Amino acid sequence: MTHASDTLLRVEKGNAEPEELAAITAILLARAAAAPEETPVRLPRQAGWRRLERTPGFRAPHSWQG
C-alpha cells in the first residue's frame, strides 16, 4: 500500500495521467542536471580595509604595523 507521502510528485488539483507525471519528472531532472555547479568562493588575500595609498612610505623595523 502506497501513501501520499511515498510519492515524489503530488497533483494538487485535477487528475494527472502517469505519462504526464513522467514527462514533468523528466523535464525537472533535465533542468537540474543542466544547472551549472557552484563555483568556489574566492576570498581576497588581503583585508579589504587596508588601503596602501594611505600608509606612509616607511615603517620602522620595530613598528607594530609590520
Protein backbone atom coordinates (compact mmCIF):
# COMPACT_ATOMS: atom_id res chain seq x y z
CA MET A 1 0.00 0.00 0.00
CA THR A 2 1.49 3.35 -1.01
CA HIS A 3 0.77 6.52 0.90
CA ALA A 4 0.69 10.06 -0.48
CA SER A 5 3.99 10.81 1.31
CA ASP A 6 5.72 7.95 -0.59
CA THR A 7 5.44 9.66 -3.99
CA LEU A 8 7.88 12.12 -5.49
CA LEU A 9 5.23 14.39 -7.04
CA ARG A 10 1.76 15.27 -5.89
CA VAL A 11 -1.07 16.64 -8.03
CA GLU A 12 -2.76 19.47 -6.14
CA LYS A 13 -5.69 19.98 -8.48
CA GLY A 14 -7.07 17.78 -11.22
CA ASN A 15 -6.04 14.29 -12.32
CA ALA A 16 -2.68 13.72 -13.96
CA GLU A 17 -2.04 10.64 -16.03
CA PRO A 18 1.14 8.62 -15.38
CA GLU A 19 2.54 9.78 -18.73
CA GLU A 20 2.08 13.42 -17.70
CA LEU A 21 3.84 12.83 -14.39
CA ALA A 22 6.67 11.05 -16.20
CA ALA A 23 7.02 13.98 -18.62
CA ILE A 24 7.22 16.62 -15.89
CA THR A 25 9.65 14.46 -13.93
CA ALA A 26 11.91 14.15 -16.99
CA ILE A 27 11.81 17.92 -17.53
CA LEU A 28 12.67 18.68 -13.90
CA LEU A 29 15.53 16.17 -13.87
CA ALA A 30 16.93 17.55 -17.14
CA ARG A 31 16.84 21.11 -15.77
CA ALA A 32 18.53 20.00 -12.55
CA ALA A 33 21.28 18.23 -14.50
CA ALA A 34 21.84 21.26 -16.75
CA ALA A 35 22.24 23.70 -13.84
CA PRO A 36 25.86 24.88 -13.51
CA GLU A 37 27.72 23.76 -10.45
CA GLU A 38 28.57 26.34 -7.85
CA THR A 39 31.95 27.92 -8.28
CA PRO A 40 34.07 28.05 -5.15
CA VAL A 41 34.12 31.37 -3.38
CA ARG A 42 37.48 33.08 -3.71
CA LEU A 43 38.46 35.06 -0.67
CA PRO A 44 40.71 38.11 -1.03
CA ARG A 45 44.31 37.69 0.01
CA GLN A 46 44.34 40.92 2.00
CA ALA A 47 41.79 42.57 4.18
CA GLY A 48 39.59 44.93 2.22
CA TRP A 49 40.03 47.74 4.70
CA ARG A 50 43.79 48.05 4.17
CA ARG A 51 44.41 50.97 1.84
CA LEU A 52 48.07 51.02 0.83
CA GLU A 53 47.84 54.50 -0.67
CA ARG A 54 47.09 55.87 2.81
CA THR A 55 50.09 54.32 4.54
CA PRO A 56 53.38 56.20 4.87
CA GLY A 57 56.22 55.05 2.67
CA PHE A 58 58.47 53.97 5.54
CA ARG A 59 57.82 51.81 8.59
CA ALA A 60 60.37 51.36 11.30
CA PRO A 61 61.60 47.77 11.74
CA HIS A 62 60.25 47.73 15.32
CA SER A 63 56.81 49.03 14.29
CA TRP A 64 53.76 47.09 15.37
CA GLN A 65 52.27 47.57 11.88
CA GLY A 66 54.96 45.34 10.36
